[in-house]
Full PDB file with SEQRES, HELIX, SHEET, SSBOND, CRYST1, ORIGX, SCALE, CONECT and MASTER records, all heavy atoms in Angstrom:
SEQRES   1 A   34  GLU LYS LYS LYS HIS VAL HIS GLY ARG CYS THR GLY CYS          
SEQRES   2 A   34  ARG TRP LEU ASP VAL CYS ALA GLY ASN PHE ARG VAL ARG          
SEQRES   3 A   34  ALA GLU ALA ALA THR GLY ASP LEU                              
HELIX    1 AA1 LYS A    2  LYS A    4  5                                   3    
HELIX    2 AA2 GLY A    8  CYS A   10  5                                   3    
HELIX    3 AA3 LEU A   16  CYS A   19  1                                   4    
HELIX    4 AA4 ARG A   24  THR A   31  1                                   8    
CRYST1    1.000    1.000    1.000  90.00  90.00  90.00 P 1           1          
ORIGX1      1.000000  0.000000  0.000000        0.00000                         
ORIGX2      0.000000  1.000000  0.000000        0.00000                         
ORIGX3      0.000000  0.000000  1.000000        0.00000                         
SCALE1      1.000000  0.000000  0.000000        0.00000                         
SCALE2      0.000000  1.000000  0.000000        0.00000                         
SCALE3      0.000000  0.000000  1.000000        0.00000                         
ATOM      1  N   GLU A   1     -16.398  -2.945 -13.257  1.00  0.00           N  
ATOM      2  CA  GLU A   1     -15.625  -1.874 -13.884  1.00  0.00           C  
ATOM      3  C   GLU A   1     -15.593  -0.661 -12.954  1.00  0.00           C  
ATOM      4  O   GLU A   1     -15.912   0.464 -13.356  1.00  0.00           O  
ATOM      5  CB  GLU A   1     -16.207  -1.519 -15.255  1.00  0.00           C  
ATOM      6  CG  GLU A   1     -17.707  -1.320 -15.290  1.00  0.00           C  
ATOM      7  CD  GLU A   1     -18.237  -0.978 -16.673  1.00  0.00           C  
ATOM      8  OE1 GLU A   1     -17.500  -1.176 -17.666  1.00  0.00           O  
ATOM      9  OE2 GLU A   1     -19.383  -0.489 -16.756  1.00  0.00           O  
ATOM     10  N   LYS A   2     -15.224  -0.910 -11.713  1.00  0.00           N  
ATOM     11  CA  LYS A   2     -15.349   0.114 -10.670  1.00  0.00           C  
ATOM     12  C   LYS A   2     -14.534   1.364 -10.950  1.00  0.00           C  
ATOM     13  O   LYS A   2     -14.885   2.457 -10.487  1.00  0.00           O  
ATOM     14  CB  LYS A   2     -14.994  -0.472  -9.295  1.00  0.00           C  
ATOM     15  CG  LYS A   2     -13.582  -1.010  -9.157  1.00  0.00           C  
ATOM     16  CD  LYS A   2     -13.314  -1.487  -7.721  1.00  0.00           C  
ATOM     17  CE  LYS A   2     -13.996  -2.783  -7.399  1.00  0.00           C  
ATOM     18  NZ  LYS A   2     -13.457  -3.954  -8.101  1.00  0.00           N  
ATOM     19  N   LYS A   3     -13.466   1.251 -11.715  1.00  0.00           N  
ATOM     20  CA  LYS A   3     -12.643   2.437 -11.986  1.00  0.00           C  
ATOM     21  C   LYS A   3     -13.415   3.531 -12.717  1.00  0.00           C  
ATOM     22  O   LYS A   3     -13.061   4.701 -12.646  1.00  0.00           O  
ATOM     23  CB  LYS A   3     -11.402   2.028 -12.782  1.00  0.00           C  
ATOM     24  CG  LYS A   3     -10.367   1.280 -11.953  1.00  0.00           C  
ATOM     25  CD  LYS A   3      -9.135   0.925 -12.747  1.00  0.00           C  
ATOM     26  CE  LYS A   3      -9.351  -0.299 -13.599  1.00  0.00           C  
ATOM     27  NZ  LYS A   3      -8.070  -0.795 -14.198  1.00  0.00           N  
ATOM     28  N   LYS A   4     -14.485   3.145 -13.419  1.00  0.00           N  
ATOM     29  CA  LYS A   4     -15.300   4.130 -14.132  1.00  0.00           C  
ATOM     30  C   LYS A   4     -16.237   4.886 -13.201  1.00  0.00           C  
ATOM     31  O   LYS A   4     -16.771   5.933 -13.579  1.00  0.00           O  
ATOM     32  CB  LYS A   4     -16.140   3.443 -15.208  1.00  0.00           C  
ATOM     33  CG  LYS A   4     -15.350   2.834 -16.349  1.00  0.00           C  
ATOM     34  CD  LYS A   4     -16.300   2.222 -17.364  1.00  0.00           C  
ATOM     35  CE  LYS A   4     -15.552   1.613 -18.546  1.00  0.00           C  
ATOM     36  NZ  LYS A   4     -16.491   1.010 -19.538  1.00  0.00           N  
ATOM     37  N   HIS A   5     -16.454   4.373 -11.995  1.00  0.00           N  
ATOM     38  CA  HIS A   5     -17.520   4.908 -11.150  1.00  0.00           C  
ATOM     39  C   HIS A   5     -17.031   5.591  -9.870  1.00  0.00           C  
ATOM     40  O   HIS A   5     -17.787   6.338  -9.257  1.00  0.00           O  
ATOM     41  CB  HIS A   5     -18.492   3.776 -10.793  1.00  0.00           C  
ATOM     42  CG  HIS A   5     -19.075   3.107 -11.988  1.00  0.00           C  
ATOM     43  ND1 HIS A   5     -20.034   3.700 -12.773  1.00  0.00           N  
ATOM     44  CD2 HIS A   5     -18.810   1.906 -12.563  1.00  0.00           C  
ATOM     45  CE1 HIS A   5     -20.349   2.891 -13.777  1.00  0.00           C  
ATOM     46  NE2 HIS A   5     -19.628   1.790 -13.671  1.00  0.00           N  
ATOM     47  N   VAL A   6     -15.792   5.342  -9.461  1.00  0.00           N  
ATOM     48  CA  VAL A   6     -15.289   6.004  -8.257  1.00  0.00           C  
ATOM     49  C   VAL A   6     -15.071   7.484  -8.549  1.00  0.00           C  
ATOM     50  O   VAL A   6     -14.804   7.883  -9.691  1.00  0.00           O  
ATOM     51  CB  VAL A   6     -13.977   5.348  -7.765  1.00  0.00           C  
ATOM     52  CG1 VAL A   6     -14.243   3.943  -7.267  1.00  0.00           C  
ATOM     53  CG2 VAL A   6     -12.914   5.342  -8.849  1.00  0.00           C  
ATOM     54  N   HIS A   7     -15.213   8.304  -7.504  1.00  0.00           N  
ATOM     55  CA  HIS A   7     -14.999   9.742  -7.689  1.00  0.00           C  
ATOM     56  C   HIS A   7     -14.262  10.302  -6.483  1.00  0.00           C  
ATOM     57  O   HIS A   7     -13.593   9.567  -5.782  1.00  0.00           O  
ATOM     58  CB  HIS A   7     -16.326  10.462  -7.953  1.00  0.00           C  
ATOM     59  CG  HIS A   7     -17.420  10.131  -6.990  1.00  0.00           C  
ATOM     60  ND1 HIS A   7     -18.456   9.295  -7.290  1.00  0.00           N  
ATOM     61  CD2 HIS A   7     -17.646  10.539  -5.714  1.00  0.00           C  
ATOM     62  CE1 HIS A   7     -19.272   9.192  -6.252  1.00  0.00           C  
ATOM     63  NE2 HIS A   7     -18.798   9.939  -5.284  1.00  0.00           N  
ATOM     64  N   GLY A   8     -14.364  11.602  -6.257  1.00  0.00           N  
ATOM     65  CA  GLY A   8     -13.561  12.215  -5.209  1.00  0.00           C  
ATOM     66  C   GLY A   8     -12.102  12.271  -5.645  1.00  0.00           C  
ATOM     67  O   GLY A   8     -11.794  12.509  -6.811  1.00  0.00           O  
ATOM     68  N   ARG A   9     -11.201  12.011  -4.713  1.00  0.00           N  
ATOM     69  CA  ARG A   9      -9.768  12.060  -5.016  1.00  0.00           C  
ATOM     70  C   ARG A   9      -9.379  11.054  -6.099  1.00  0.00           C  
ATOM     71  O   ARG A   9      -8.375  11.228  -6.795  1.00  0.00           O  
ATOM     72  CB  ARG A   9      -8.932  11.768  -3.765  1.00  0.00           C  
ATOM     73  CG  ARG A   9      -8.973  12.820  -2.699  1.00  0.00           C  
ATOM     74  CD  ARG A   9      -8.049  12.436  -1.553  1.00  0.00           C  
ATOM     75  NE  ARG A   9      -6.661  12.816  -1.814  1.00  0.00           N  
ATOM     76  CZ  ARG A   9      -5.620  12.037  -1.599  1.00  0.00           C  
ATOM     77  NH1 ARG A   9      -5.800  10.788  -1.190  1.00  0.00           N  
ATOM     78  NH2 ARG A   9      -4.398  12.481  -1.818  1.00  0.00           N  
ATOM     79  N   CYS A  10     -10.165   9.971  -6.223  1.00  0.00           N  
ATOM     80  CA  CYS A  10      -9.820   8.919  -7.186  1.00  0.00           C  
ATOM     81  C   CYS A  10      -9.863   9.408  -8.632  1.00  0.00           C  
ATOM     82  O   CYS A  10      -9.147   8.884  -9.495  1.00  0.00           O  
ATOM     83  CB  CYS A  10     -10.773   7.731  -7.036  1.00  0.00           C  
ATOM     84  SG  CYS A  10     -10.728   6.915  -5.421  1.00  0.00           S  
ATOM     85  N   THR A  11     -10.713  10.375  -8.907  1.00  0.00           N  
ATOM     86  CA  THR A  11     -10.981  10.774 -10.290  1.00  0.00           C  
ATOM     87  C   THR A  11      -9.716  11.157 -11.046  1.00  0.00           C  
ATOM     88  O   THR A  11      -9.482  10.706 -12.176  1.00  0.00           O  
ATOM     89  CB  THR A  11     -11.974  11.952 -10.324  1.00  0.00           C  
ATOM     90  OG1 THR A  11     -13.147  11.598  -9.599  1.00  0.00           O  
ATOM     91  CG2 THR A  11     -12.349  12.291 -11.759  1.00  0.00           C  
ATOM     92  N   GLY A  12      -8.879  11.976 -10.440  1.00  0.00           N  
ATOM     93  CA  GLY A  12      -7.668  12.421 -11.121  1.00  0.00           C  
ATOM     94  C   GLY A  12      -6.413  11.715 -10.665  1.00  0.00           C  
ATOM     95  O   GLY A  12      -5.305  12.171 -10.978  1.00  0.00           O  
ATOM     96  N   CYS A  13      -6.555  10.604  -9.944  1.00  0.00           N  
ATOM     97  CA  CYS A  13      -5.387   9.926  -9.377  1.00  0.00           C  
ATOM     98  C   CYS A  13      -4.639   9.135 -10.449  1.00  0.00           C  
ATOM     99  O   CYS A  13      -5.230   8.346 -11.185  1.00  0.00           O  
ATOM    100  CB  CYS A  13      -5.823   8.982  -8.258  1.00  0.00           C  
ATOM    101  SG  CYS A  13      -4.453   8.038  -7.544  1.00  0.00           S  
ATOM    102  N   ARG A  14      -3.342   9.302 -10.501  1.00  0.00           N  
ATOM    103  CA  ARG A  14      -2.555   8.598 -11.516  1.00  0.00           C  
ATOM    104  C   ARG A  14      -2.387   7.112 -11.190  1.00  0.00           C  
ATOM    105  O   ARG A  14      -1.888   6.350 -12.033  1.00  0.00           O  
ATOM    106  CB  ARG A  14      -1.186   9.250 -11.675  1.00  0.00           C  
ATOM    107  CG  ARG A  14      -0.283   9.199 -10.444  1.00  0.00           C  
ATOM    108  CD  ARG A  14       1.114   9.669 -10.818  1.00  0.00           C  
ATOM    109  NE  ARG A  14       1.928   9.973  -9.663  1.00  0.00           N  
ATOM    110  CZ  ARG A  14       3.240   9.779  -9.630  1.00  0.00           C  
ATOM    111  NH1 ARG A  14       3.869   9.261 -10.674  1.00  0.00           N  
ATOM    112  NH2 ARG A  14       3.934  10.106  -8.555  1.00  0.00           N  
ATOM    113  N   TRP A  15      -2.806   6.684 -10.002  1.00  0.00           N  
ATOM    114  CA  TRP A  15      -2.648   5.281  -9.613  1.00  0.00           C  
ATOM    115  C   TRP A  15      -3.943   4.495  -9.726  1.00  0.00           C  
ATOM    116  O   TRP A  15      -4.013   3.351  -9.272  1.00  0.00           O  
ATOM    117  CB  TRP A  15      -2.130   5.198  -8.167  1.00  0.00           C  
ATOM    118  CG  TRP A  15      -0.874   5.967  -7.937  1.00  0.00           C  
ATOM    119  CD1 TRP A  15      -0.707   7.062  -7.153  1.00  0.00           C  
ATOM    120  CD2 TRP A  15       0.405   5.697  -8.525  1.00  0.00           C  
ATOM    121  NE1 TRP A  15       0.582   7.507  -7.202  1.00  0.00           N  
ATOM    122  CE2 TRP A  15       1.295   6.680  -8.042  1.00  0.00           C  
ATOM    123  CE3 TRP A  15       0.878   4.728  -9.417  1.00  0.00           C  
ATOM    124  CZ2 TRP A  15       2.637   6.718  -8.408  1.00  0.00           C  
ATOM    125  CZ3 TRP A  15       2.218   4.769  -9.783  1.00  0.00           C  
ATOM    126  CH2 TRP A  15       3.077   5.748  -9.287  1.00  0.00           C  
ATOM    127  N   LEU A  16      -4.950   5.068 -10.349  1.00  0.00           N  
ATOM    128  CA  LEU A  16      -6.245   4.395 -10.394  1.00  0.00           C  
ATOM    129  C   LEU A  16      -6.156   3.024 -11.061  1.00  0.00           C  
ATOM    130  O   LEU A  16      -6.835   2.076 -10.653  1.00  0.00           O  
ATOM    131  CB  LEU A  16      -7.268   5.266 -11.123  1.00  0.00           C  
ATOM    132  CG  LEU A  16      -8.724   4.772 -11.121  1.00  0.00           C  
ATOM    133  CD1 LEU A  16      -9.244   4.573  -9.698  1.00  0.00           C  
ATOM    134  CD2 LEU A  16      -9.620   5.746 -11.882  1.00  0.00           C  
ATOM    135  N   ASP A  17      -5.270   2.876 -12.052  1.00  0.00           N  
ATOM    136  CA  ASP A  17      -5.180   1.596 -12.754  1.00  0.00           C  
ATOM    137  C   ASP A  17      -4.501   0.518 -11.924  1.00  0.00           C  
ATOM    138  O   ASP A  17      -4.627  -0.668 -12.228  1.00  0.00           O  
ATOM    139  CB  ASP A  17      -4.452   1.754 -14.099  1.00  0.00           C  
ATOM    140  CG  ASP A  17      -3.013   2.227 -13.947  1.00  0.00           C  
ATOM    141  OD1 ASP A  17      -2.731   2.930 -12.955  1.00  0.00           O  
ATOM    142  OD2 ASP A  17      -2.175   1.899 -14.818  1.00  0.00           O  
ATOM    143  N   VAL A  18      -3.782   0.899 -10.862  1.00  0.00           N  
ATOM    144  CA  VAL A  18      -3.144  -0.111 -10.006  1.00  0.00           C  
ATOM    145  C   VAL A  18      -3.841  -0.235  -8.649  1.00  0.00           C  
ATOM    146  O   VAL A  18      -3.458  -1.071  -7.836  1.00  0.00           O  
ATOM    147  CB  VAL A  18      -1.642   0.176  -9.789  1.00  0.00           C  
ATOM    148  CG1 VAL A  18      -0.917   0.252 -11.113  1.00  0.00           C  
ATOM    149  CG2 VAL A  18      -1.418   1.444  -8.979  1.00  0.00           C  
ATOM    150  N   CYS A  19      -4.848   0.579  -8.414  1.00  0.00           N  
ATOM    151  CA  CYS A  19      -5.559   0.597  -7.134  1.00  0.00           C  
ATOM    152  C   CYS A  19      -7.028   0.253  -7.289  1.00  0.00           C  
ATOM    153  O   CYS A  19      -7.623  -0.402  -6.428  1.00  0.00           O  
ATOM    154  CB  CYS A  19      -5.399   1.976  -6.493  1.00  0.00           C  
ATOM    155  SG  CYS A  19      -6.448   2.269  -5.063  1.00  0.00           S  
ATOM    156  N   ALA A  20      -7.644   0.720  -8.381  1.00  0.00           N  
ATOM    157  CA  ALA A  20      -9.073   0.516  -8.668  1.00  0.00           C  
ATOM    158  C   ALA A  20      -9.980   1.147  -7.617  1.00  0.00           C  
ATOM    159  O   ALA A  20     -11.087   0.691  -7.378  1.00  0.00           O  
ATOM    160  CB  ALA A  20      -9.393  -0.972  -8.828  1.00  0.00           C  
ATOM    161  N   GLY A  21      -9.491   2.206  -6.985  1.00  0.00           N  
ATOM    162  CA  GLY A  21     -10.338   2.929  -6.046  1.00  0.00           C  
ATOM    163  C   GLY A  21     -10.326   2.393  -4.628  1.00  0.00           C  
ATOM    164  O   GLY A  21     -11.117   2.839  -3.788  1.00  0.00           O  
ATOM    165  N   ASN A  22      -9.440   1.404  -4.368  1.00  0.00           N  
ATOM    166  CA  ASN A  22      -9.292   0.880  -3.010  1.00  0.00           C  
ATOM    167  C   ASN A  22     -10.593   0.227  -2.521  1.00  0.00           C  
ATOM    168  O   ASN A  22     -11.319  -0.362  -3.315  1.00  0.00           O  
ATOM    169  CB  ASN A  22      -8.798   1.979  -2.069  1.00  0.00           C  
ATOM    170  CG  ASN A  22      -7.782   1.472  -1.054  1.00  0.00           C  
ATOM    171  OD1 ASN A  22      -7.768   0.306  -0.694  1.00  0.00           O  
ATOM    172  ND2 ASN A  22      -6.932   2.359  -0.583  1.00  0.00           N  
ATOM    173  N   PHE A  23     -10.940   0.335  -1.243  1.00  0.00           N  
ATOM    174  CA  PHE A  23     -12.028  -0.447  -0.655  1.00  0.00           C  
ATOM    175  C   PHE A  23     -13.348   0.319  -0.637  1.00  0.00           C  
ATOM    176  O   PHE A  23     -13.506   1.302   0.077  1.00  0.00           O  
ATOM    177  CB  PHE A  23     -11.659  -0.857   0.778  1.00  0.00           C  
ATOM    178  CG  PHE A  23     -11.561  -2.338   0.952  1.00  0.00           C  
ATOM    179  CD1 PHE A  23     -10.430  -3.013   0.550  1.00  0.00           C  
ATOM    180  CD2 PHE A  23     -12.604  -3.069   1.477  1.00  0.00           C  
ATOM    181  CE1 PHE A  23     -10.329  -4.385   0.684  1.00  0.00           C  
ATOM    182  CE2 PHE A  23     -12.523  -4.439   1.618  1.00  0.00           C  
ATOM    183  CZ  PHE A  23     -11.378  -5.100   1.220  1.00  0.00           C  
ATOM    184  N   ARG A  24     -14.313  -0.175  -1.418  1.00  0.00           N  
ATOM    185  CA  ARG A  24     -15.624   0.468  -1.505  1.00  0.00           C  
ATOM    186  C   ARG A  24     -16.386   0.391  -0.186  1.00  0.00           C  
ATOM    187  O   ARG A  24     -17.068   1.346   0.204  1.00  0.00           O  
ATOM    188  CB  ARG A  24     -16.457  -0.161  -2.618  1.00  0.00           C  
ATOM    189  CG  ARG A  24     -15.886  -0.063  -4.027  1.00  0.00           C  
ATOM    190  CD  ARG A  24     -15.791   1.381  -4.505  1.00  0.00           C  
ATOM    191  NE  ARG A  24     -14.562   2.027  -4.100  1.00  0.00           N  
ATOM    192  CZ  ARG A  24     -14.491   3.251  -3.602  1.00  0.00           C  
ATOM    193  NH1 ARG A  24     -15.585   3.964  -3.419  1.00  0.00           N  
ATOM    194  NH2 ARG A  24     -13.341   3.773  -3.274  1.00  0.00           N  
ATOM    195  N   VAL A  25     -16.291  -0.736   0.494  1.00  0.00           N  
ATOM    196  CA  VAL A  25     -17.070  -0.894   1.720  1.00  0.00           C  
ATOM    197  C   VAL A  25     -16.565   0.043   2.816  1.00  0.00           C  
ATOM    198  O   VAL A  25     -17.338   0.524   3.646  1.00  0.00           O  
ATOM    199  CB  VAL A  25     -17.058  -2.371   2.181  1.00  0.00           C  
ATOM    200  CG1 VAL A  25     -15.708  -2.778   2.750  1.00  0.00           C  
ATOM    201  CG2 VAL A  25     -18.167  -2.636   3.190  1.00  0.00           C  
ATOM    202  N   ARG A  26     -15.262   0.347   2.806  1.00  0.00           N  
ATOM    203  CA  ARG A  26     -14.722   1.277   3.804  1.00  0.00           C  
ATOM    204  C   ARG A  26     -15.140   2.706   3.474  1.00  0.00           C  
ATOM    205  O   ARG A  26     -15.456   3.496   4.378  1.00  0.00           O  
ATOM    206  CB  ARG A  26     -13.202   1.152   3.863  1.00  0.00           C  
ATOM    207  CG  ARG A  26     -12.548   1.876   5.022  1.00  0.00           C  
ATOM    208  CD  ARG A  26     -11.145   1.368   5.293  1.00  0.00           C  
ATOM    209  NE  ARG A  26     -10.359   1.283   4.074  1.00  0.00           N  
ATOM    210  CZ  ARG A  26      -9.402   0.361   3.869  1.00  0.00           C  
ATOM    211  NH1 ARG A  26      -9.131  -0.538   4.800  1.00  0.00           N  
ATOM    212  NH2 ARG A  26      -8.721   0.356   2.737  1.00  0.00           N  
ATOM    213  N   ALA A  27     -15.165   3.035   2.186  1.00  0.00           N  
ATOM    214  CA  ALA A  27     -15.653   4.357   1.772  1.00  0.00           C  
ATOM    215  C   ALA A  27     -17.100   4.539   2.196  1.00  0.00           C  
ATOM    216  O   ALA A  27     -17.490   5.595   2.722  1.00  0.00           O  
ATOM    217  CB  ALA A  27     -15.504   4.513   0.261  1.00  0.00           C  
ATOM    218  N   GLU A  28     -17.914   3.519   1.969  1.00  0.00           N  
ATOM    219  CA  GLU A  28     -19.332   3.593   2.326  1.00  0.00           C  
ATOM    220  C   GLU A  28     -19.511   3.734   3.833  1.00  0.00           C  
ATOM    221  O   GLU A  28     -20.321   4.547   4.308  1.00  0.00           O  
ATOM    222  CB  GLU A  28     -20.056   2.348   1.817  1.00  0.00           C  
ATOM    223  CG  GLU A  28     -21.550   2.360   2.111  1.00  0.00           C  
ATOM    224  CD  GLU A  28     -22.215   1.054   1.737  1.00  0.00           C  
ATOM    225  OE1 GLU A  28     -21.587  -0.007   1.884  1.00  0.00           O  
ATOM    226  OE2 GLU A  28     -23.382   1.094   1.306  1.00  0.00           O  
ATOM    227  N   ALA A  29     -18.760   2.941   4.615  1.00  0.00           N  
ATOM    228  CA  ALA A  29     -18.909   2.969   6.071  1.00  0.00           C  
ATOM    229  C   ALA A  29     -18.514   4.320   6.650  1.00  0.00           C  
ATOM    230  O   ALA A  29     -19.134   4.814   7.592  1.00  0.00           O  
ATOM    231  CB  ALA A  29     -18.070   1.860   6.703  1.00  0.00           C  
ATOM    232  N   ALA A  30     -17.478   4.925   6.081  1.00  0.00           N  
ATOM    233  CA  ALA A  30     -16.956   6.175   6.634  1.00  0.00           C  
ATOM    234  C   ALA A  30     -17.690   7.407   6.132  1.00  0.00           C  
ATOM    235  O   ALA A  30     -17.824   8.402   6.856  1.00  0.00           O  
ATOM    236  CB  ALA A  30     -15.466   6.300   6.325  1.00  0.00           C  
ATOM    237  N   THR A  31     -18.198   7.356   4.877  1.00  0.00           N  
ATOM    238  CA  THR A  31     -18.753   8.559   4.261  1.00  0.00           C  
ATOM    239  C   THR A  31     -20.208   8.420   3.830  1.00  0.00           C  
ATOM    240  O   THR A  31     -20.852   9.422   3.527  1.00  0.00           O  
ATOM    241  CB  THR A  31     -17.928   8.952   3.025  1.00  0.00           C  
ATOM    242  OG1 THR A  31     -18.139   7.974   1.979  1.00  0.00           O  
ATOM    243  CG2 THR A  31     -16.437   9.016   3.348  1.00  0.00           C  
ATOM    244  N   GLY A  32     -20.709   7.182   3.761  1.00  0.00           N  
ATOM    245  CA  GLY A  32     -22.053   6.958   3.242  1.00  0.00           C  
ATOM    246  C   GLY A  32     -22.124   6.909   1.728  1.00  0.00           C  
ATOM    247  O   GLY A  32     -23.191   6.667   1.162  1.00  0.00           O  
ATOM    248  N   ASP A  33     -20.994   7.116   1.060  1.00  0.00           N  
ATOM    249  CA  ASP A  33     -20.948   7.142  -0.403  1.00  0.00           C  
ATOM    250  C   ASP A  33     -20.178   5.917  -0.895  1.00  0.00           C  
ATOM    251  O   ASP A  33     -18.953   5.834  -0.722  1.00  0.00           O  
ATOM    252  CB  ASP A  33     -20.263   8.425  -0.870  1.00  0.00           C  
ATOM    253  CG  ASP A  33     -20.232   8.567  -2.392  1.00  0.00           C  
ATOM    254  OD1 ASP A  33     -20.664   7.628  -3.099  1.00  0.00           O  
ATOM    255  OD2 ASP A  33     -19.756   9.621  -2.871  1.00  0.00           O  
ATOM    256  N   LEU A  34     -20.883   4.981  -1.512  1.00  0.00           N  
ATOM    257  CA  LEU A  34     -20.265   3.745  -1.974  1.00  0.00           C  
ATOM    258  C   LEU A  34     -19.151   3.988  -2.976  1.00  0.00           C  
ATOM    259  O   LEU A  34     -18.181   3.232  -3.043  1.00  0.00           O  
ATOM    260  CB  LEU A  34     -21.343   2.840  -2.598  1.00  0.00           C  
ATOM    261  CG  LEU A  34     -20.908   1.481  -3.135  1.00  0.00           C  
ATOM    262  CD1 LEU A  34     -20.303   0.630  -2.027  1.00  0.00           C  
ATOM    263  CD2 LEU A  34     -22.090   0.767  -3.772  1.00  0.00           C  
TER     264      LEU A  34                                                      
MASTER        0    0    0    4    0    0    0    6  263    1    0    3          
END                                                                             
């Protein structure tokens, strides 16, 4: 249920239901935040 846990720009994004926060592993690699 990743849509409940992503934050940053994802929180208020109107496309969250069609994107689901995109790639978690890329977020982690680039920012350290899964």
